[in-house]
Amino acid sequence: MNKKDVLMIIVEIQTFYNYPFTKREPDKNANDVLLDLTNKWHKVLKDYEFETIKKNLNDYIKSNRFAPAIADLVNENQKERAIPNKEETQAMLRQWDLERVNESSKEKTDIYLANIRNLLGIKRSV
């Protein structure tokens, strides 16, 4: 991306999110704020394709109320960051419960307790 592309992305964010960058520094000239921001963002975004960042921004705008950070735009897989719906959450919780049950098997518990007894010098009487 060149600086013009970066500025286009920033202007689009400004438009969709009610000027979040220039509102942060009301005592400065808006053009100076945008120029400084463009230079900073360009350092990070220069190795990315404009179309990729533009697509990620459009995807981000559709589902987020707050202005994106650079990390939100360079993330190629936005779906990984999506908040799961009710069914997905329940499925994840069930999976975690199953994993927890498997991890706390009787055999593992006995080994763990034996190691603790050994460390503490406790001999188990049967």
N, C-alpha and C. Protein backbone atom coordinates (compact mmCIF):
# COMPACT_ATOMS: atom_id res chain seq x y z
N MET A 1 0.84 -1.19 0.00
CA MET A 1 0.00 0.00 0.00
C MET A 1 0.88 1.24 0.00
N ASN A 2 0.43 2.23 -0.71
CA ASN A 2 1.12 3.51 -0.64
C ASN A 2 0.37 4.43 0.33
N LYS A 3 0.91 5.61 0.56
CA LYS A 3 0.30 6.51 1.55
C LYS A 3 -1.09 6.99 1.12
N LYS A 4 -1.29 7.13 -0.18
CA LYS A 4 -2.60 7.53 -0.67
C LYS A 4 -3.65 6.47 -0.31
N ASP A 5 -3.29 5.20 -0.48
CA ASP A 5 -4.20 4.11 -0.12
C ASP A 5 -4.51 4.12 1.38
N VAL A 6 -3.46 4.33 2.18
CA VAL A 6 -3.64 4.38 3.63
C VAL A 6 -4.57 5.52 4.00
N LEU A 7 -4.37 6.67 3.39
CA LEU A 7 -5.23 7.81 3.66
C LEU A 7 -6.68 7.50 3.29
N MET A 8 -6.88 6.81 2.19
CA MET A 8 -8.25 6.44 1.78
C MET A 8 -8.90 5.55 2.84
N ILE A 9 -8.15 4.63 3.40
CA ILE A 9 -8.67 3.76 4.46
C ILE A 9 -9.03 4.60 5.69
N ILE A 10 -8.13 5.49 6.07
CA ILE A 10 -8.38 6.34 7.25
C ILE A 10 -9.59 7.23 7.04
N VAL A 11 -9.72 7.81 5.85
CA VAL A 11 -10.87 8.67 5.56
C VAL A 11 -12.17 7.86 5.63
N GLU A 12 -12.12 6.63 5.14
CA GLU A 12 -13.33 5.79 5.22
C GLU A 12 -13.69 5.49 6.67
N ILE A 13 -12.69 5.22 7.49
CA ILE A 13 -12.95 4.99 8.92
C ILE A 13 -13.52 6.26 9.54
N GLN A 14 -12.94 7.40 9.19
CA GLN A 14 -13.44 8.68 9.69
C GLN A 14 -14.92 8.85 9.34
N THR A 15 -15.27 8.50 8.12
CA THR A 15 -16.65 8.68 7.64
C THR A 15 -17.62 7.74 8.35
N PHE A 16 -17.27 6.49 8.43
CA PHE A 16 -18.19 5.50 9.00
C PHE A 16 -18.29 5.58 10.51
N TYR A 17 -17.24 6.04 11.17
CA TYR A 17 -17.22 6.04 12.63
C TYR A 17 -17.20 7.43 13.24
N ASN A 18 -17.74 8.41 12.53
CA ASN A 18 -17.95 9.74 13.07
C ASN A 18 -16.66 10.41 13.54
N TYR A 19 -15.66 10.39 12.69
CA TYR A 19 -14.40 11.11 12.89
C TYR A 19 -13.68 10.77 14.20
N PRO A 20 -13.39 9.49 14.43
CA PRO A 20 -12.77 9.11 15.70
C PRO A 20 -11.35 9.62 15.87
N PHE A 21 -10.61 9.81 14.80
CA PHE A 21 -9.21 10.21 14.92
C PHE A 21 -9.06 11.68 15.23
N THR A 22 -9.80 12.51 14.52
CA THR A 22 -9.66 13.96 14.73
C THR A 22 -10.36 14.41 16.01
N LYS A 23 -11.33 13.65 16.50
CA LYS A 23 -11.98 14.01 17.76
C LYS A 23 -11.05 13.82 18.95
N ARG A 24 -10.09 12.91 18.79
CA ARG A 24 -9.15 12.63 19.89
C ARG A 24 -8.26 13.83 20.19
N GLU A 25 -8.00 14.64 19.18
CA GLU A 25 -7.09 15.77 19.35
C GLU A 25 -7.75 17.05 18.82
N PRO A 26 -8.76 17.53 19.52
CA PRO A 26 -9.53 18.67 19.02
C PRO A 26 -8.73 19.97 18.94
N ASP A 27 -7.63 20.06 19.69
CA ASP A 27 -6.84 21.28 19.66
C ASP A 27 -5.87 21.35 18.48
N LYS A 28 -5.77 20.25 17.71
CA LYS A 28 -4.88 20.22 16.55
C LYS A 28 -5.69 20.35 15.26
N ASN A 29 -5.03 20.80 14.23
CA ASN A 29 -5.63 20.89 12.91
C ASN A 29 -5.95 19.48 12.42
N ALA A 30 -7.14 19.25 11.92
CA ALA A 30 -7.58 17.93 11.47
C ALA A 30 -6.67 17.38 10.37
N ASN A 31 -6.23 18.23 9.46
CA ASN A 31 -5.34 17.78 8.39
C ASN A 31 -4.00 17.30 8.93
N ASP A 32 -3.47 18.00 9.94
CA ASP A 32 -2.21 17.59 10.56
C ASP A 32 -2.36 16.24 11.26
N VAL A 33 -3.49 16.06 11.93
CA VAL A 33 -3.75 14.79 12.61
C VAL A 33 -3.80 13.65 11.59
N LEU A 34 -4.51 13.87 10.49
CA LEU A 34 -4.63 12.84 9.47
C LEU A 34 -3.30 12.56 8.78
N LEU A 35 -2.51 13.58 8.55
CA LEU A 35 -1.19 13.38 7.93
C LEU A 35 -0.28 12.56 8.85
N ASP A 36 -0.27 12.92 10.11
CA ASP A 36 0.55 12.19 11.08
C ASP A 36 0.08 10.74 11.19
N LEU A 37 -1.22 10.55 11.26
CA LEU A 37 -1.79 9.20 11.35
C LEU A 37 -1.49 8.39 10.09
N THR A 38 -1.59 9.02 8.95
CA THR A 38 -1.29 8.33 7.68
C THR A 38 0.15 7.85 7.66
N ASN A 39 1.08 8.68 8.09
CA ASN A 39 2.49 8.28 8.12
C ASN A 39 2.71 7.11 9.08
N LYS A 40 2.08 7.16 10.24
CA LYS A 40 2.25 6.08 11.21
C LYS A 40 1.63 4.78 10.71
N TRP A 41 0.42 4.86 10.17
CA TRP A 41 -0.26 3.66 9.68
C TRP A 41 0.48 3.09 8.47
N HIS A 42 1.04 3.96 7.65
CA HIS A 42 1.74 3.48 6.45
C HIS A 42 2.95 2.62 6.82
N LYS A 43 3.62 2.96 7.91
CA LYS A 43 4.77 2.17 8.35
C LYS A 43 4.37 0.71 8.58
N VAL A 44 3.16 0.50 9.05
CA VAL A 44 2.68 -0.86 9.34
C VAL A 44 2.00 -1.49 8.13
N LEU A 45 1.24 -0.70 7.40
CA LEU A 45 0.42 -1.25 6.31
C LEU A 45 1.11 -1.31 4.95
N LYS A 46 2.31 -0.79 4.84
CA LYS A 46 2.95 -0.69 3.52
C LYS A 46 3.16 -2.05 2.84
N ASP A 47 3.26 -3.11 3.60
CA ASP A 47 3.49 -4.44 3.02
C ASP A 47 2.21 -5.19 2.67
N TYR A 48 1.07 -4.57 2.90
CA TYR A 48 -0.21 -5.21 2.63
C TYR A 48 -0.82 -4.66 1.34
N GLU A 49 -1.67 -5.47 0.74
CA GLU A 49 -2.38 -5.06 -0.46
C GLU A 49 -3.58 -4.20 -0.08
N PHE A 50 -3.79 -3.15 -0.82
CA PHE A 50 -4.92 -2.25 -0.56
C PHE A 50 -6.25 -2.99 -0.59
N GLU A 51 -6.44 -3.84 -1.59
CA GLU A 51 -7.72 -4.55 -1.72
C GLU A 51 -8.01 -5.45 -0.52
N THR A 52 -6.97 -6.07 0.02
CA THR A 52 -7.15 -6.93 1.20
C THR A 52 -7.58 -6.10 2.40
N ILE A 53 -6.89 -4.99 2.62
CA ILE A 53 -7.23 -4.12 3.76
C ILE A 53 -8.61 -3.52 3.58
N LYS A 54 -8.93 -3.13 2.37
CA LYS A 54 -10.26 -2.55 2.08
C LYS A 54 -11.37 -3.57 2.34
N LYS A 55 -11.15 -4.80 1.91
CA LYS A 55 -12.14 -5.86 2.15
C LYS A 55 -12.29 -6.12 3.65
N ASN A 56 -11.16 -6.20 4.36
CA ASN A 56 -11.21 -6.42 5.80
C ASN A 56 -11.93 -5.28 6.51
N LEU A 57 -11.71 -4.05 6.05
CA LEU A 57 -12.41 -2.91 6.63
C LEU A 57 -13.91 -3.02 6.39
N ASN A 58 -14.30 -3.35 5.16
CA ASN A 58 -15.73 -3.49 4.87
C ASN A 58 -16.37 -4.58 5.71
N ASP A 59 -15.68 -5.70 5.87
CA ASP A 59 -16.19 -6.79 6.72
C ASP A 59 -16.30 -6.32 8.17
N TYR A 60 -15.31 -5.58 8.62
CA TYR A 60 -15.28 -5.09 9.99
C TYR A 60 -16.44 -4.12 10.24
N ILE A 61 -16.65 -3.22 9.31
CA ILE A 61 -17.71 -2.20 9.45
C ILE A 61 -19.08 -2.86 9.62
N LYS A 62 -19.31 -3.96 8.95
CA LYS A 62 -20.61 -4.62 9.00
C LYS A 62 -20.96 -5.17 10.37
N SER A 63 -19.95 -5.43 11.21
CA SER A 63 -20.27 -6.10 12.47
C SER A 63 -19.66 -5.44 13.71
N ASN A 64 -19.12 -4.25 13.59
CA ASN A 64 -18.50 -3.60 14.75
C ASN A 64 -18.90 -2.15 14.86
N ARG A 65 -19.25 -1.74 16.08
CA ARG A 65 -19.70 -0.38 16.32
C ARG A 65 -18.56 0.61 16.51
N PHE A 66 -17.37 0.10 16.85
CA PHE A 66 -16.26 0.98 17.15
C PHE A 66 -15.21 0.92 16.04
N ALA A 67 -14.49 2.00 15.87
CA ALA A 67 -13.49 2.09 14.81
C ALA A 67 -12.42 1.01 14.98
N PRO A 68 -11.94 0.48 13.86
CA PRO A 68 -10.95 -0.59 13.95
C PRO A 68 -9.55 -0.08 14.27
N ALA A 69 -8.78 -0.96 14.85
CA ALA A 69 -7.34 -0.74 15.00
C ALA A 69 -6.67 -1.38 13.79
N ILE A 70 -5.40 -1.11 13.63
CA ILE A 70 -4.68 -1.71 12.50
C ILE A 70 -4.78 -3.24 12.56
N ALA A 71 -4.67 -3.80 13.74
CA ALA A 71 -4.73 -5.26 13.89
C ALA A 71 -6.04 -5.83 13.36
N ASP A 72 -7.11 -5.08 13.47
CA ASP A 72 -8.40 -5.54 12.95
C ASP A 72 -8.40 -5.58 11.43
N LEU A 73 -7.62 -4.74 10.82
CA LEU A 73 -7.61 -4.66 9.36
C LEU A 73 -6.64 -5.64 8.71
N VAL A 74 -5.56 -5.97 9.38
CA VAL A 74 -4.59 -6.89 8.79
C VAL A 74 -4.93 -8.34 9.08
N ASN A 75 -5.86 -8.56 9.99
CA ASN A 75 -6.26 -9.92 10.33
C ASN A 75 -7.03 -10.51 9.15
N GLU A 76 -6.42 -11.51 8.50
CA GLU A 76 -7.06 -12.10 7.33
C GLU A 76 -8.25 -12.98 7.69
N ASN A 77 -8.31 -13.44 8.92
CA ASN A 77 -9.40 -14.34 9.29
C ASN A 77 -10.23 -13.72 10.40
N GLN A 78 -11.10 -12.81 10.04
CA GLN A 78 -11.93 -12.12 11.02
C GLN A 78 -12.88 -13.06 11.75
N LYS A 79 -13.24 -14.17 11.11
CA LYS A 79 -14.21 -15.07 11.73
C LYS A 79 -13.68 -15.66 13.03
N GLU A 80 -12.36 -15.83 13.15
CA GLU A 80 -11.80 -16.35 14.38
C GLU A 80 -12.08 -15.43 15.55
N ARG A 81 -12.24 -14.16 15.29
CA ARG A 81 -12.47 -13.18 16.33
C ARG A 81 -13.95 -12.98 16.64
N ALA A 82 -14.79 -13.59 15.84
CA ALA A 82 -16.22 -13.38 16.01
C ALA A 82 -16.69 -13.94 17.35
N ILE A 83 -17.66 -13.28 17.92
CA ILE A 83 -18.25 -13.75 19.17
C ILE A 83 -19.20 -14.89 18.82
N PRO A 84 -19.02 -16.04 19.49
CA PRO A 84 -19.88 -17.19 19.15
C PRO A 84 -21.33 -16.94 19.56
N ASN A 85 -22.24 -17.55 18.79
CA ASN A 85 -23.65 -17.44 19.15
C ASN A 85 -23.96 -18.42 20.28
N LYS A 86 -25.21 -18.48 20.70
CA LYS A 86 -25.61 -19.31 21.83
C LYS A 86 -25.25 -20.78 21.62
N GLU A 87 -25.56 -21.32 20.44
CA GLU A 87 -25.31 -22.73 20.17
C GLU A 87 -23.82 -23.03 20.15
N GLU A 88 -23.04 -22.14 19.54
CA GLU A 88 -21.60 -22.34 19.49
C GLU A 88 -20.98 -22.29 20.89
N THR A 89 -21.48 -21.38 21.71
CA THR A 89 -20.99 -21.28 23.09
C THR A 89 -21.30 -22.54 23.87
N GLN A 90 -22.52 -23.03 23.74
CA GLN A 90 -22.90 -24.25 24.44
C GLN A 90 -22.06 -25.44 23.98
N ALA A 91 -21.79 -25.53 22.69
CA ALA A 91 -20.96 -26.61 22.16
C ALA A 91 -19.54 -26.52 22.71
N MET A 92 -19.00 -25.31 22.79
CA MET A 92 -17.65 -25.14 23.34
C MET A 92 -17.61 -25.53 24.81
N LEU A 93 -18.61 -25.14 25.56
CA LEU A 93 -18.65 -25.48 26.98
C LEU A 93 -18.76 -26.98 27.19
N ARG A 94 -19.58 -27.65 26.36
CA ARG A 94 -19.68 -29.11 26.46
C ARG A 94 -18.34 -29.76 26.17
N GLN A 95 -17.66 -29.28 25.14
CA GLN A 95 -16.34 -29.83 24.79
C GLN A 95 -15.35 -29.62 25.93
N TRP A 96 -15.36 -28.45 26.52
CA TRP A 96 -14.43 -28.18 27.63
C TRP A 96 -14.74 -29.09 28.82
N ASP A 97 -16.04 -29.31 29.09
CA ASP A 97 -16.41 -30.21 30.18
C ASP A 97 -15.90 -31.63 29.92
N LEU A 98 -16.03 -32.09 28.68
CA LEU A 98 -15.54 -33.43 28.34
C LEU A 98 -14.02 -33.51 28.51
N GLU A 99 -13.33 -32.49 28.08
CA GLU A 99 -11.87 -32.48 28.22
C GLU A 99 -11.46 -32.46 29.68
N ARG A 100 -12.19 -31.72 30.50
CA ARG A 100 -11.89 -31.65 31.93
C ARG A 100 -12.11 -33.00 32.59
N VAL A 101 -13.18 -33.68 32.23
CA VAL A 101 -13.46 -35.01 32.79
C VAL A 101 -12.35 -35.98 32.39
N ASN A 102 -11.93 -35.93 31.14
CA ASN A 102 -10.86 -36.82 30.68
C ASN A 102 -9.55 -36.53 31.40
N GLU A 103 -9.28 -35.26 31.65
CA GLU A 103 -8.04 -34.89 32.32
C GLU A 103 -8.03 -35.33 33.78
N SER A 104 -9.17 -35.41 34.39
CA SER A 104 -9.23 -35.74 35.81
C SER A 104 -9.60 -37.21 36.02
N SER A 105 -9.07 -38.05 35.17
CA SER A 105 -9.36 -39.48 35.32
C SER A 105 -8.75 -39.98 36.62
N LYS A 106 -9.28 -41.09 37.11
CA LYS A 106 -8.84 -41.68 38.38
C LYS A 106 -7.35 -41.97 38.34
N GLU A 107 -6.87 -42.50 37.24
CA GLU A 107 -5.45 -42.85 37.12
C GLU A 107 -4.57 -41.62 37.25
N LYS A 108 -4.92 -40.55 36.57
CA LYS A 108 -4.12 -39.32 36.64
C LYS A 108 -4.17 -38.74 38.05
N THR A 109 -5.33 -38.80 38.69
CA THR A 109 -5.47 -38.30 40.05
C THR A 109 -4.59 -39.10 41.00
N ASP A 110 -4.58 -40.41 40.88
CA ASP A 110 -3.75 -41.26 41.74
C ASP A 110 -2.27 -40.95 41.56
N ILE A 111 -1.84 -40.77 40.32
CA ILE A 111 -0.43 -40.44 40.04
C ILE A 111 -0.08 -39.09 40.65
N TYR A 112 -0.96 -38.12 40.48
CA TYR A 112 -0.75 -36.79 41.02
C TYR A 112 -0.62 -36.84 42.54
N LEU A 113 -1.53 -37.54 43.19
CA LEU A 113 -1.49 -37.65 44.65
C LEU A 113 -0.25 -38.40 45.12
N ALA A 114 0.15 -39.44 44.40
CA ALA A 114 1.35 -40.20 44.75
C ALA A 114 2.58 -39.29 44.67
N ASN A 115 2.64 -38.45 43.66
CA ASN A 115 3.76 -37.51 43.54
C ASN A 115 3.79 -36.52 44.69
N ILE A 116 2.65 -36.03 45.09
CA ILE A 116 2.57 -35.10 46.22
C ILE A 116 3.02 -35.80 47.50
N ARG A 117 2.53 -37.02 47.73
CA ARG A 117 2.93 -37.77 48.93
C ARG A 117 4.44 -37.99 48.94
N ASN A 118 4.98 -38.33 47.78
CA ASN A 118 6.41 -38.56 47.66
C ASN A 118 7.20 -37.29 47.98
N LEU A 119 6.76 -36.14 47.43
CA LEU A 119 7.43 -34.88 47.71
C LEU A 119 7.37 -34.50 49.18
N LEU A 120 6.28 -34.83 49.82
CA LEU A 120 6.11 -34.48 51.23
C LEU A 120 6.67 -35.54 52.17
N GLY A 121 7.13 -36.67 51.61
CA GLY A 121 7.68 -37.75 52.42
C GLY A 121 6.63 -38.51 53.22
N ILE A 122 5.44 -38.57 52.68
CA ILE A 122 4.34 -39.28 53.36
C ILE A 122 4.26 -40.67 52.77
N LYS A 123 4.27 -41.66 53.68
CA LYS A 123 4.11 -43.05 53.23
C LYS A 123 2.67 -43.43 53.44
N ARG A 124 2.09 -43.97 52.43
CA ARG A 124 0.66 -44.33 52.48
C ARG A 124 0.55 -45.72 53.10
N SER A 125 -0.28 -45.82 54.12
CA SER A 125 -0.53 -47.13 54.73
C SER A 125 -1.81 -47.70 54.15
N VAL A 126 -1.74 -48.96 53.78
CA VAL A 126 -2.90 -49.59 53.15
C VAL A 126 -3.64 -50.44 54.14
